Amino acid sequence: MTGLNVVCFFEVAGTNPIAKKIGERNTYILSLLSLLMFIIGLLAVWALPISYISFMVIMFIFIAYLGYGMPDA
């Protein structure tokens, strides 16, 4: 849970500069794509019998949690 909060904090902080640079509409589209990455990561965790280390690799290394923070911002 701490990892999720840290990643969301940085994602929310980075969303405003991204929106100013590429526009709000494009940022929202990017956030939907990143949310899709989050869903794919969750499905992989659900479908595969994995340990907690593998869970952390899927969710952090593959940037699955980044899809969680941007749409909320």
Protein backbone atom coordinates (compact mmCIF):
# COMPACT_ATOMS: atom_id res chain seq x y z
CA MET A 1 0.00 0.00 0.00
CA THR A 2 2.89 2.36 0.70
CA GLY A 3 4.26 1.75 -2.77
CA LEU A 4 0.90 2.62 -4.29
CA ASN A 5 0.74 5.87 -2.33
CA VAL A 6 4.28 6.89 -3.28
CA VAL A 7 3.75 6.16 -6.96
CA CYS A 8 0.38 7.97 -6.97
CA PHE A 9 1.95 11.00 -5.28
CA PHE A 10 4.58 11.36 -7.99
CA GLU A 11 2.08 10.59 -10.74
CA VAL A 12 -0.33 13.26 -9.53
CA ALA A 13 2.53 15.77 -9.22
CA GLY A 14 3.62 15.01 -12.77
CA THR A 15 0.18 15.14 -14.36
CA ASN A 16 -0.17 18.94 -14.31
CA PRO A 17 3.06 19.65 -16.27
CA ILE A 18 2.15 16.92 -18.74
CA ALA A 19 -1.31 18.47 -19.23
CA LYS A 20 0.22 21.89 -19.83
CA LYS A 21 2.67 20.49 -22.36
CA ILE A 22 0.46 18.16 -24.44
CA GLY A 23 -3.02 19.41 -23.57
CA GLU A 24 -5.71 18.17 -21.22
CA ARG A 25 -7.42 15.98 -23.80
CA ASN A 26 -4.21 14.17 -24.75
CA THR A 27 -3.30 13.78 -21.09
CA TYR A 28 -6.65 12.17 -20.40
CA ILE A 29 -6.14 9.77 -23.31
CA LEU A 30 -2.67 8.96 -21.95
CA SER A 31 -4.19 8.36 -18.52
CA LEU A 32 -6.71 5.93 -19.98
CA LEU A 33 -3.90 4.02 -21.66
CA SER A 34 -1.96 3.91 -18.41
CA LEU A 35 -5.10 2.75 -16.60
CA LEU A 36 -5.30 -0.07 -19.14
CA MET A 37 -1.72 -1.01 -18.16
CA PHE A 38 -2.88 -1.13 -14.53
CA ILE A 39 -5.77 -3.44 -15.44
CA ILE A 40 -3.46 -5.72 -17.41
CA GLY A 41 -1.10 -5.88 -14.43
CA LEU A 42 -3.97 -6.78 -12.10
CA LEU A 43 -5.21 -9.46 -14.47
CA ALA A 44 -1.72 -10.93 -14.68
CA VAL A 45 -1.49 -11.05 -10.90
CA TRP A 46 -4.93 -12.67 -10.68
CA ALA A 47 -4.35 -15.23 -13.44
CA LEU A 48 -0.84 -16.38 -12.54
CA PRO A 49 0.05 -18.26 -9.36
CA ILE A 50 2.83 -16.00 -8.13
CA SER A 51 4.66 -15.07 -4.97
CA TYR A 52 4.74 -11.63 -3.39
CA ILE A 53 8.07 -10.85 -5.08
CA SER A 54 6.56 -11.55 -8.48
CA PHE A 55 3.58 -9.36 -7.54
CA MET A 56 5.90 -6.47 -6.75
CA VAL A 57 7.78 -6.96 -10.00
CA ILE A 58 4.60 -6.94 -12.07
CA MET A 59 3.07 -3.98 -10.29
CA PHE A 60 6.16 -1.76 -9.93
CA ILE A 61 8.68 -2.74 -12.60
CA PHE A 62 6.07 -2.94 -15.33
CA ILE A 63 4.68 0.43 -14.23
CA ALA A 64 1.24 -0.95 -13.53
CA TYR A 65 0.74 1.42 -10.60
CA LEU A 66 1.38 4.44 -12.80
CA GLY A 67 -1.94 3.74 -14.43
CA TYR A 68 -3.65 4.24 -11.11
CA GLY A 69 -2.59 7.80 -10.28
CA MET A 70 -2.96 9.74 -13.50
CA PRO A 71 -6.71 9.31 -14.09
CA ASP A 72 -7.40 10.40 -10.51
CA ALA A 73 -5.45 13.62 -11.02
